[in-house]
mmCIF file of all heavy atoms, coordinates in Angstrom:
data_MODEL
# 
_entry.id   MODEL 
# 
loop_
_atom_site.group_PDB 
_atom_site.id 
_atom_site.type_symbol 
_atom_site.label_atom_id 
_atom_site.label_alt_id 
_atom_site.label_comp_id 
_atom_site.label_asym_id 
_atom_site.label_entity_id 
_atom_site.label_seq_id 
_atom_site.pdbx_PDB_ins_code 
_atom_site.Cartn_x 
_atom_site.Cartn_y 
_atom_site.Cartn_z 
_atom_site.occupancy 
_atom_site.B_iso_or_equiv 
_atom_site.pdbx_formal_charge 
_atom_site.auth_seq_id 
_atom_site.auth_comp_id 
_atom_site.auth_asym_id 
_atom_site.auth_atom_id 
_atom_site.pdbx_PDB_model_num 
ATOM 1   N N   . ASN A 1 1  ? -1.366  -18.992 9.149  1.00 0.00 ? 1  ASN A N   1 
ATOM 2   C CA  . ASN A 1 1  ? -2.375  -19.813 8.513  1.00 0.00 ? 1  ASN A CA  1 
ATOM 3   C C   . ASN A 1 1  ? -3.779  -19.361 8.961  1.00 0.00 ? 1  ASN A C   1 
ATOM 4   O O   . ASN A 1 1  ? -4.210  -18.266 8.611  1.00 0.00 ? 1  ASN A O   1 
ATOM 5   C CB  . ASN A 1 1  ? -2.052  -21.272 8.807  1.00 0.00 ? 1  ASN A CB  1 
ATOM 6   C CG  . ASN A 1 1  ? -2.722  -22.219 7.754  1.00 0.00 ? 1  ASN A CG  1 
ATOM 7   O OD1 . ASN A 1 1  ? -2.763  -21.893 6.601  1.00 0.00 ? 1  ASN A OD1 1 
ATOM 8   N ND2 . ASN A 1 1  ? -3.112  -23.455 8.239  1.00 0.00 ? 1  ASN A ND2 1 
ATOM 9   N N   . HIS A 1 2  ? -4.491  -20.232 9.640  1.00 0.00 ? 2  HIS A N   1 
ATOM 10  C CA  . HIS A 1 2  ? -5.836  -19.913 10.087 1.00 0.00 ? 2  HIS A CA  1 
ATOM 11  C C   . HIS A 1 2  ? -5.810  -19.243 11.458 1.00 0.00 ? 2  HIS A C   1 
ATOM 12  O O   . HIS A 1 2  ? -5.004  -19.470 12.286 1.00 0.00 ? 2  HIS A O   1 
ATOM 13  C CB  . HIS A 1 2  ? -6.623  -21.233 10.258 1.00 0.00 ? 2  HIS A CB  1 
ATOM 14  C CG  . HIS A 1 2  ? -6.710  -22.059 9.030  1.00 0.00 ? 2  HIS A CG  1 
ATOM 15  N ND1 . HIS A 1 2  ? -7.321  -21.570 7.815  1.00 0.00 ? 2  HIS A ND1 1 
ATOM 16  C CD2 . HIS A 1 2  ? -6.307  -23.212 8.762  1.00 0.00 ? 2  HIS A CD2 1 
ATOM 17  C CE1 . HIS A 1 2  ? -7.260  -22.575 6.877  1.00 0.00 ? 2  HIS A CE1 1 
ATOM 18  N NE2 . HIS A 1 2  ? -6.650  -23.605 7.430  1.00 0.00 ? 2  HIS A NE2 1 
ATOM 19  N N   . GLY A 1 3  ? -6.843  -18.308 11.612 1.00 0.00 ? 3  GLY A N   1 
ATOM 20  C CA  . GLY A 1 3  ? -7.022  -17.843 12.934 1.00 0.00 ? 3  GLY A CA  1 
ATOM 21  C C   . GLY A 1 3  ? -7.546  -18.984 13.884 1.00 0.00 ? 3  GLY A C   1 
ATOM 22  O O   . GLY A 1 3  ? -6.939  -19.168 14.976 1.00 0.00 ? 3  GLY A O   1 
ATOM 23  N N   . ILE A 1 4  ? -8.610  -19.623 13.473 1.00 0.00 ? 4  ILE A N   1 
ATOM 24  C CA  . ILE A 1 4  ? -9.149  -20.758 14.217 1.00 0.00 ? 4  ILE A CA  1 
ATOM 25  C C   . ILE A 1 4  ? -9.361  -21.941 13.204 1.00 0.00 ? 4  ILE A C   1 
ATOM 26  O O   . ILE A 1 4  ? -10.024 -21.711 12.171 1.00 0.00 ? 4  ILE A O   1 
ATOM 27  C CB  . ILE A 1 4  ? -10.443 -20.429 14.940 1.00 0.00 ? 4  ILE A CB  1 
ATOM 28  C CG1 . ILE A 1 4  ? -10.239 -19.345 15.914 1.00 0.00 ? 4  ILE A CG1 1 
ATOM 29  C CG2 . ILE A 1 4  ? -11.065 -21.619 15.558 1.00 0.00 ? 4  ILE A CG2 1 
ATOM 30  C CD1 . ILE A 1 4  ? -11.565 -18.764 16.575 1.00 0.00 ? 4  ILE A CD1 1 
ATOM 31  N N   . PHE A 1 5  ? -8.863  -23.058 13.522 1.00 0.00 ? 5  PHE A N   1 
ATOM 32  C CA  . PHE A 1 5  ? -9.175  -24.317 12.683 1.00 0.00 ? 5  PHE A CA  1 
ATOM 33  C C   . PHE A 1 5  ? -9.890  -25.290 13.588 1.00 0.00 ? 5  PHE A C   1 
ATOM 34  O O   . PHE A 1 5  ? -9.515  -25.569 14.671 1.00 0.00 ? 5  PHE A O   1 
ATOM 35  C CB  . PHE A 1 5  ? -7.864  -24.974 12.245 1.00 0.00 ? 5  PHE A CB  1 
ATOM 36  C CG  . PHE A 1 5  ? -8.133  -26.198 11.438 1.00 0.00 ? 5  PHE A CG  1 
ATOM 37  C CD1 . PHE A 1 5  ? -8.376  -26.164 10.024 1.00 0.00 ? 5  PHE A CD1 1 
ATOM 38  C CD2 . PHE A 1 5  ? -8.115  -27.470 12.071 1.00 0.00 ? 5  PHE A CD2 1 
ATOM 39  C CE1 . PHE A 1 5  ? -8.653  -27.288 9.342  1.00 0.00 ? 5  PHE A CE1 1 
ATOM 40  C CE2 . PHE A 1 5  ? -8.275  -28.555 11.345 1.00 0.00 ? 5  PHE A CE2 1 
ATOM 41  C CZ  . PHE A 1 5  ? -8.618  -28.567 9.980  1.00 0.00 ? 5  PHE A CZ  1 
ATOM 42  N N   . LEU A 1 6  ? -11.000 -25.883 13.037 1.00 0.00 ? 6  LEU A N   1 
ATOM 43  C CA  . LEU A 1 6  ? -11.924 -26.708 13.803 1.00 0.00 ? 6  LEU A CA  1 
ATOM 44  C C   . LEU A 1 6  ? -12.190 -27.906 12.881 1.00 0.00 ? 6  LEU A C   1 
ATOM 45  O O   . LEU A 1 6  ? -12.699 -27.772 11.761 1.00 0.00 ? 6  LEU A O   1 
ATOM 46  C CB  . LEU A 1 6  ? -13.154 -26.041 14.198 1.00 0.00 ? 6  LEU A CB  1 
ATOM 47  C CG  . LEU A 1 6  ? -13.038 -24.740 15.040 1.00 0.00 ? 6  LEU A CG  1 
ATOM 48  C CD1 . LEU A 1 6  ? -14.269 -23.916 14.879 1.00 0.00 ? 6  LEU A CD1 1 
ATOM 49  C CD2 . LEU A 1 6  ? -12.714 -25.005 16.458 1.00 0.00 ? 6  LEU A CD2 1 
ATOM 50  N N   . ARG A 1 7  ? -12.077 -29.127 13.406 1.00 0.00 ? 7  ARG A N   1 
ATOM 51  C CA  . ARG A 1 7  ? -12.547 -30.332 12.748 1.00 0.00 ? 7  ARG A CA  1 
ATOM 52  C C   . ARG A 1 7  ? -13.185 -31.302 13.720 1.00 0.00 ? 7  ARG A C   1 
ATOM 53  O O   . ARG A 1 7  ? -12.577 -31.622 14.760 1.00 0.00 ? 7  ARG A O   1 
ATOM 54  C CB  . ARG A 1 7  ? -11.382 -30.987 12.022 1.00 0.00 ? 7  ARG A CB  1 
ATOM 55  C CG  . ARG A 1 7  ? -11.790 -32.292 11.228 1.00 0.00 ? 7  ARG A CG  1 
ATOM 56  C CD  . ARG A 1 7  ? -10.629 -32.928 10.544 1.00 0.00 ? 7  ARG A CD  1 
ATOM 57  N NE  . ARG A 1 7  ? -10.176 -32.194 9.455  1.00 0.00 ? 7  ARG A NE  1 
ATOM 58  C CZ  . ARG A 1 7  ? -8.937  -31.972 9.082  1.00 0.00 ? 7  ARG A CZ  1 
ATOM 59  N NH1 . ARG A 1 7  ? -7.898  -32.520 9.796  1.00 0.00 ? 7  ARG A NH1 1 
ATOM 60  N NH2 . ARG A 1 7  ? -8.589  -31.370 7.971  1.00 0.00 ? 7  ARG A NH2 1 
ATOM 61  N N   . GLY A 1 8  ? -14.362 -31.746 13.424 1.00 0.00 ? 8  GLY A N   1 
ATOM 62  C CA  . GLY A 1 8  ? -15.005 -32.722 14.313 1.00 0.00 ? 8  GLY A CA  1 
ATOM 63  C C   . GLY A 1 8  ? -14.429 -34.056 14.237 1.00 0.00 ? 8  GLY A C   1 
ATOM 64  O O   . GLY A 1 8  ? -13.585 -34.353 13.249 1.00 0.00 ? 8  GLY A O   1 
ATOM 65  N N   . ALA A 1 9  ? -14.680 -34.910 15.144 1.00 0.00 ? 9  ALA A N   1 
ATOM 66  C CA  . ALA A 1 9  ? -14.143 -36.208 15.209 1.00 0.00 ? 9  ALA A CA  1 
ATOM 67  C C   . ALA A 1 9  ? -14.670 -37.047 14.049 1.00 0.00 ? 9  ALA A C   1 
ATOM 68  O O   . ALA A 1 9  ? -15.842 -36.842 13.591 1.00 0.00 ? 9  ALA A O   1 
ATOM 69  C CB  . ALA A 1 9  ? -14.521 -36.953 16.529 1.00 0.00 ? 9  ALA A CB  1 
ATOM 70  N N   . SER A 1 10 ? -13.852 -37.986 13.496 1.00 0.00 ? 10 SER A N   1 
ATOM 71  C CA  . SER A 1 10 ? -14.335 -38.768 12.403 1.00 0.00 ? 10 SER A CA  1 
ATOM 72  C C   . SER A 1 10 ? -15.452 -39.725 12.936 1.00 0.00 ? 10 SER A C   1 
ATOM 73  O O   . SER A 1 10 ? -15.282 -40.389 13.950 1.00 0.00 ? 10 SER A O   1 
ATOM 74  C CB  . SER A 1 10 ? -13.166 -39.614 11.930 1.00 0.00 ? 10 SER A CB  1 
ATOM 75  O OG  . SER A 1 10 ? -12.170 -38.879 11.367 1.00 0.00 ? 10 SER A OG  1 
ATOM 76  N N   . GLN A 1 11 ? -16.556 -39.740 12.202 1.00 0.00 ? 11 GLN A N   1 
ATOM 77  C CA  . GLN A 1 11 ? -17.687 -40.537 12.688 1.00 0.00 ? 11 GLN A CA  1 
ATOM 78  C C   . GLN A 1 11 ? -18.583 -40.835 11.472 1.00 0.00 ? 11 GLN A C   1 
ATOM 79  O O   . GLN A 1 11 ? -18.564 -40.189 10.438 1.00 0.00 ? 11 GLN A O   1 
ATOM 80  C CB  . GLN A 1 11 ? -18.509 -39.749 13.717 1.00 0.00 ? 11 GLN A CB  1 
ATOM 81  C CG  . GLN A 1 11 ? -18.945 -38.417 13.264 1.00 0.00 ? 11 GLN A CG  1 
ATOM 82  C CD  . GLN A 1 11 ? -19.357 -37.556 14.356 1.00 0.00 ? 11 GLN A CD  1 
ATOM 83  O OE1 . GLN A 1 11 ? -20.192 -37.963 15.156 1.00 0.00 ? 11 GLN A OE1 1 
ATOM 84  N NE2 . GLN A 1 11 ? -18.965 -36.277 14.398 1.00 0.00 ? 11 GLN A NE2 1 
ATOM 85  N N   . THR A 1 12 ? -19.350 -41.934 11.626 1.00 0.00 ? 12 THR A N   1 
ATOM 86  C CA  . THR A 1 12 ? -20.306 -42.351 10.579 1.00 0.00 ? 12 THR A CA  1 
ATOM 87  C C   . THR A 1 12 ? -21.603 -41.764 10.884 1.00 0.00 ? 12 THR A C   1 
ATOM 88  O O   . THR A 1 12 ? -22.086 -41.726 11.991 1.00 0.00 ? 12 THR A O   1 
ATOM 89  C CB  . THR A 1 12 ? -20.394 -43.877 10.579 1.00 0.00 ? 12 THR A CB  1 
ATOM 90  O OG1 . THR A 1 12 ? -19.125 -44.407 10.351 1.00 0.00 ? 12 THR A OG1 1 
ATOM 91  C CG2 . THR A 1 12 ? -21.344 -44.316 9.459  1.00 0.00 ? 12 THR A CG2 1 
ATOM 92  N N   . ALA A 1 13 ? -22.253 -41.230 9.849  1.00 0.00 ? 13 ALA A N   1 
ATOM 93  C CA  . ALA A 1 13 ? -23.546 -40.568 10.040 1.00 0.00 ? 13 ALA A CA  1 
ATOM 94  C C   . ALA A 1 13 ? -24.633 -41.667 10.457 1.00 0.00 ? 13 ALA A C   1 
ATOM 95  O O   . ALA A 1 13 ? -24.524 -42.820 10.130 1.00 0.00 ? 13 ALA A O   1 
ATOM 96  C CB  . ALA A 1 13 ? -23.998 -39.962 8.724  1.00 0.00 ? 13 ALA A CB  1 
ATOM 97  N N   . ASP A 1 14 ? -25.563 -41.117 11.236 1.00 0.00 ? 14 ASP A N   1 
ATOM 98  C CA  . ASP A 1 14 ? -26.800 -41.984 11.574 1.00 0.00 ? 14 ASP A CA  1 
ATOM 99  C C   . ASP A 1 14 ? -27.574 -42.111 10.330 1.00 0.00 ? 14 ASP A C   1 
ATOM 100 O O   . ASP A 1 14 ? -28.133 -41.194 9.756  1.00 0.00 ? 14 ASP A O   1 
ATOM 101 C CB  . ASP A 1 14 ? -27.494 -41.299 12.670 1.00 0.00 ? 14 ASP A CB  1 
ATOM 102 C CG  . ASP A 1 14 ? -28.686 -42.137 13.205 1.00 0.00 ? 14 ASP A CG  1 
ATOM 103 O OD1 . ASP A 1 14 ? -29.280 -42.866 12.407 1.00 0.00 ? 14 ASP A OD1 1 
ATOM 104 O OD2 . ASP A 1 14 ? -28.996 -42.066 14.390 1.00 0.00 ? 14 ASP A OD2 1 
ATOM 105 N N   . LEU A 1 15 ? -27.751 -43.328 9.834  1.00 0.00 ? 15 LEU A N   1 
ATOM 106 C CA  . LEU A 1 15 ? -28.411 -43.566 8.571  1.00 0.00 ? 15 LEU A CA  1 
ATOM 107 C C   . LEU A 1 15 ? -29.900 -43.250 8.599  1.00 0.00 ? 15 LEU A C   1 
ATOM 108 O O   . LEU A 1 15 ? -30.476 -42.984 7.577  1.00 0.00 ? 15 LEU A O   1 
ATOM 109 C CB  . LEU A 1 15 ? -28.196 -45.006 8.120  1.00 0.00 ? 15 LEU A CB  1 
ATOM 110 C CG  . LEU A 1 15 ? -26.836 -45.427 7.859  1.00 0.00 ? 15 LEU A CG  1 
ATOM 111 C CD1 . LEU A 1 15 ? -26.719 -46.908 7.379  1.00 0.00 ? 15 LEU A CD1 1 
ATOM 112 C CD2 . LEU A 1 15 ? -26.156 -44.563 6.765  1.00 0.00 ? 15 LEU A CD2 1 
ATOM 113 N N   . THR A 1 16 ? -30.437 -43.187 9.848  1.00 0.00 ? 16 THR A N   1 
ATOM 114 C CA  . THR A 1 16 ? -31.885 -42.892 9.928  1.00 0.00 ? 16 THR A CA  1 
ATOM 115 C C   . THR A 1 16 ? -32.182 -41.369 9.940  1.00 0.00 ? 16 THR A C   1 
ATOM 116 O O   . THR A 1 16 ? -33.210 -40.920 9.469  1.00 0.00 ? 16 THR A O   1 
ATOM 117 C CB  . THR A 1 16 ? -32.509 -43.506 11.235 1.00 0.00 ? 16 THR A CB  1 
ATOM 118 O OG1 . THR A 1 16 ? -31.806 -43.023 12.346 1.00 0.00 ? 16 THR A OG1 1 
ATOM 119 C CG2 . THR A 1 16 ? -32.320 -45.018 11.152 1.00 0.00 ? 16 THR A CG2 1 
ATOM 120 N N   . THR A 1 17 ? -31.210 -40.606 10.454 1.00 0.00 ? 17 THR A N   1 
ATOM 121 C CA  . THR A 1 17 ? -31.420 -39.153 10.518 1.00 0.00 ? 17 THR A CA  1 
ATOM 122 C C   . THR A 1 17 ? -30.474 -38.388 9.712  1.00 0.00 ? 17 THR A C   1 
ATOM 123 O O   . THR A 1 17 ? -30.680 -37.197 9.404  1.00 0.00 ? 17 THR A O   1 
ATOM 124 C CB  . THR A 1 17 ? -31.278 -38.683 12.006 1.00 0.00 ? 17 THR A CB  1 
ATOM 125 O OG1 . THR A 1 17 ? -29.946 -38.872 12.382 1.00 0.00 ? 17 THR A OG1 1 
ATOM 126 C CG2 . THR A 1 17 ? -32.235 -39.446 12.863 1.00 0.00 ? 17 THR A CG2 1 
ATOM 127 N N   . GLY A 1 18 ? -29.330 -38.952 9.265  1.00 0.00 ? 18 GLY A N   1 
ATOM 128 C CA  . GLY A 1 18 ? -28.351 -38.262 8.511  1.00 0.00 ? 18 GLY A CA  1 
ATOM 129 C C   . GLY A 1 18 ? -27.516 -37.335 9.386  1.00 0.00 ? 18 GLY A C   1 
ATOM 130 O O   . GLY A 1 18 ? -26.627 -36.586 8.901  1.00 0.00 ? 18 GLY A O   1 
ATOM 131 N N   . LEU A 1 19 ? -27.766 -37.317 10.702 1.00 0.00 ? 19 LEU A N   1 
ATOM 132 C CA  . LEU A 1 19 ? -27.087 -36.380 11.584 1.00 0.00 ? 19 LEU A CA  1 
ATOM 133 C C   . LEU A 1 19 ? -25.761 -37.007 12.189 1.00 0.00 ? 19 LEU A C   1 
ATOM 134 O O   . LEU A 1 19 ? -25.744 -38.195 12.452 1.00 0.00 ? 19 LEU A O   1 
ATOM 135 C CB  . LEU A 1 19 ? -28.008 -35.909 12.690 1.00 0.00 ? 19 LEU A CB  1 
ATOM 136 C CG  . LEU A 1 19 ? -29.279 -35.179 12.266 1.00 0.00 ? 19 LEU A CG  1 
ATOM 137 C CD1 . LEU A 1 19 ? -30.139 -34.818 13.464 1.00 0.00 ? 19 LEU A CD1 1 
ATOM 138 C CD2 . LEU A 1 19 ? -28.881 -33.917 11.475 1.00 0.00 ? 19 LEU A CD2 1 
ATOM 139 N N   . SER A 1 20 ? -24.825 -36.145 12.436 1.00 0.00 ? 20 SER A N   1 
ATOM 140 C CA  . SER A 1 20 ? -23.642 -36.569 13.135 1.00 0.00 ? 20 SER A CA  1 
ATOM 141 C C   . SER A 1 20 ? -23.916 -36.636 14.682 1.00 0.00 ? 20 SER A C   1 
ATOM 142 O O   . SER A 1 20 ? -25.012 -36.457 15.136 1.00 0.00 ? 20 SER A O   1 
ATOM 143 C CB  . SER A 1 20 ? -22.480 -35.614 12.883 1.00 0.00 ? 20 SER A CB  1 
ATOM 144 O OG  . SER A 1 20 ? -22.800 -34.376 13.508 1.00 0.00 ? 20 SER A OG  1 
ATOM 145 N N   . ALA A 1 21 ? -22.903 -36.923 15.424 1.00 0.00 ? 21 ALA A N   1 
ATOM 146 C CA  . ALA A 1 21 ? -23.101 -37.106 16.880 1.00 0.00 ? 21 ALA A CA  1 
ATOM 147 C C   . ALA A 1 21 ? -23.257 -35.788 17.612 1.00 0.00 ? 21 ALA A C   1 
ATOM 148 O O   . ALA A 1 21 ? -23.409 -35.739 18.839 1.00 0.00 ? 21 ALA A O   1 
ATOM 149 C CB  . ALA A 1 21 ? -21.948 -37.901 17.429 1.00 0.00 ? 21 ALA A CB  1 
ATOM 150 N N   . GLY A 1 22 ? -23.239 -34.659 16.879 1.00 0.00 ? 22 GLY A N   1 
ATOM 151 C CA  . GLY A 1 22 ? -23.463 -33.394 17.469 1.00 0.00 ? 22 GLY A CA  1 
ATOM 152 C C   . GLY A 1 22 ? -22.269 -32.722 18.056 1.00 0.00 ? 22 GLY A C   1 
ATOM 153 O O   . GLY A 1 22 ? -22.346 -32.026 19.055 1.00 0.00 ? 22 GLY A O   1 
ATOM 154 N N   . ASP A 1 23 ? -21.102 -32.931 17.407 1.00 0.00 ? 23 ASP A N   1 
ATOM 155 C CA  . ASP A 1 23 ? -19.892 -32.197 17.837 1.00 0.00 ? 23 ASP A CA  1 
ATOM 156 C C   . ASP A 1 23 ? -20.083 -30.725 17.481 1.00 0.00 ? 23 ASP A C   1 
ATOM 157 O O   . ASP A 1 23 ? -20.480 -30.402 16.431 1.00 0.00 ? 23 ASP A O   1 
ATOM 158 C CB  . ASP A 1 23 ? -18.652 -32.699 17.083 1.00 0.00 ? 23 ASP A CB  1 
ATOM 159 C CG  . ASP A 1 23 ? -18.427 -34.218 17.412 1.00 0.00 ? 23 ASP A CG  1 
ATOM 160 O OD1 . ASP A 1 23 ? -18.970 -34.675 18.396 1.00 0.00 ? 23 ASP A OD1 1 
ATOM 161 O OD2 . ASP A 1 23 ? -17.765 -34.846 16.569 1.00 0.00 ? 23 ASP A OD2 1 
ATOM 162 N N   . VAL A 1 24 ? -19.847 -29.885 18.486 1.00 0.00 ? 24 VAL A N   1 
ATOM 163 C CA  . VAL A 1 24 ? -20.247 -28.482 18.376 1.00 0.00 ? 24 VAL A CA  1 
ATOM 164 C C   . VAL A 1 24 ? -19.064 -27.541 18.698 1.00 0.00 ? 24 VAL A C   1 
ATOM 165 O O   . VAL A 1 24 ? -18.333 -27.797 19.683 1.00 0.00 ? 24 VAL A O   1 
ATOM 166 C CB  . VAL A 1 24 ? -21.379 -28.127 19.334 1.00 0.00 ? 24 VAL A CB  1 
ATOM 167 C CG1 . VAL A 1 24 ? -21.750 -26.644 19.247 1.00 0.00 ? 24 VAL A CG1 1 
ATOM 168 C CG2 . VAL A 1 24 ? -22.586 -28.969 19.005 1.00 0.00 ? 24 VAL A CG2 1 
ATOM 169 N N   . ALA A 1 25 ? -18.906 -26.539 17.829 1.00 0.00 ? 25 ALA A N   1 
ATOM 170 C CA  . ALA A 1 25 ? -17.914 -25.479 18.167 1.00 0.00 ? 25 ALA A CA  1 
ATOM 171 C C   . ALA A 1 25 ? -18.661 -24.106 18.182 1.00 0.00 ? 25 ALA A C   1 
ATOM 172 O O   . ALA A 1 25 ? -19.427 -23.792 17.273 1.00 0.00 ? 25 ALA A O   1 
ATOM 173 C CB  . ALA A 1 25 ? -16.838 -25.401 17.095 1.00 0.00 ? 25 ALA A CB  1 
ATOM 174 N N   . ASN A 1 26 ? -18.550 -23.438 19.307 1.00 0.00 ? 26 ASN A N   1 
ATOM 175 C CA  . ASN A 1 26 ? -19.120 -22.133 19.484 1.00 0.00 ? 26 ASN A CA  1 
ATOM 176 C C   . ASN A 1 26 ? -18.038 -21.036 19.460 1.00 0.00 ? 26 ASN A C   1 
ATOM 177 O O   . ASN A 1 26 ? -17.034 -21.152 20.135 1.00 0.00 ? 26 ASN A O   1 
ATOM 178 C CB  . ASN A 1 26 ? -19.857 -22.001 20.831 1.00 0.00 ? 26 ASN A CB  1 
ATOM 179 C CG  . ASN A 1 26 ? -20.990 -23.016 20.903 1.00 0.00 ? 26 ASN A CG  1 
ATOM 180 O OD1 . ASN A 1 26 ? -21.753 -23.184 19.927 1.00 0.00 ? 26 ASN A OD1 1 
ATOM 181 N ND2 . ASN A 1 26 ? -21.094 -23.679 22.027 1.00 0.00 ? 26 ASN A ND2 1 
ATOM 182 N N   . VAL A 1 27 ? -18.167 -19.983 18.597 1.00 0.00 ? 27 VAL A N   1 
ATOM 183 C CA  . VAL A 1 27 ? -17.209 -18.865 18.581 1.00 0.00 ? 27 VAL A CA  1 
ATOM 184 C C   . VAL A 1 27 ? -18.045 -17.603 18.900 1.00 0.00 ? 27 VAL A C   1 
ATOM 185 O O   . VAL A 1 27 ? -18.798 -17.160 18.033 1.00 0.00 ? 27 VAL A O   1 
ATOM 186 C CB  . VAL A 1 27 ? -16.543 -18.795 17.158 1.00 0.00 ? 27 VAL A CB  1 
ATOM 187 C CG1 . VAL A 1 27 ? -15.595 -17.649 17.133 1.00 0.00 ? 27 VAL A CG1 1 
ATOM 188 C CG2 . VAL A 1 27 ? -15.879 -20.096 16.892 1.00 0.00 ? 27 VAL A CG2 1 
ATOM 189 N N   . TYR A 1 28 ? -17.818 -17.112 20.030 1.00 0.00 ? 28 TYR A N   1 
ATOM 190 C CA  . TYR A 1 28 ? -18.602 -16.011 20.535 1.00 0.00 ? 28 TYR A CA  1 
ATOM 191 C C   . TYR A 1 28 ? -17.771 -14.839 20.883 1.00 0.00 ? 28 TYR A C   1 
ATOM 192 O O   . TYR A 1 28 ? -16.759 -14.909 21.751 1.00 0.00 ? 28 TYR A O   1 
ATOM 193 C CB  . TYR A 1 28 ? -19.393 -16.490 21.844 1.00 0.00 ? 28 TYR A CB  1 
ATOM 194 C CG  . TYR A 1 28 ? -20.343 -17.499 21.668 1.00 0.00 ? 28 TYR A CG  1 
ATOM 195 C CD1 . TYR A 1 28 ? -20.695 -18.325 22.737 1.00 0.00 ? 28 TYR A CD1 1 
ATOM 196 C CD2 . TYR A 1 28 ? -21.015 -17.762 20.424 1.00 0.00 ? 28 TYR A CD2 1 
ATOM 197 C CE1 . TYR A 1 28 ? -21.623 -19.343 22.622 1.00 0.00 ? 28 TYR A CE1 1 
ATOM 198 C CE2 . TYR A 1 28 ? -21.958 -18.753 20.302 1.00 0.00 ? 28 TYR A CE2 1 
ATOM 199 C CZ  . TYR A 1 28 ? -22.241 -19.599 21.376 1.00 0.00 ? 28 TYR A CZ  1 
ATOM 200 O OH  . TYR A 1 28 ? -23.159 -20.582 21.305 1.00 0.00 ? 28 TYR A OH  1 
# 
């Protein structure tokens, strides 16, 4: 199937900024 599968935690956007909580995946 996929080499790497990534999904952030379910969360509600910050209505003032539109940003998520900043869940981050780095592939280096």
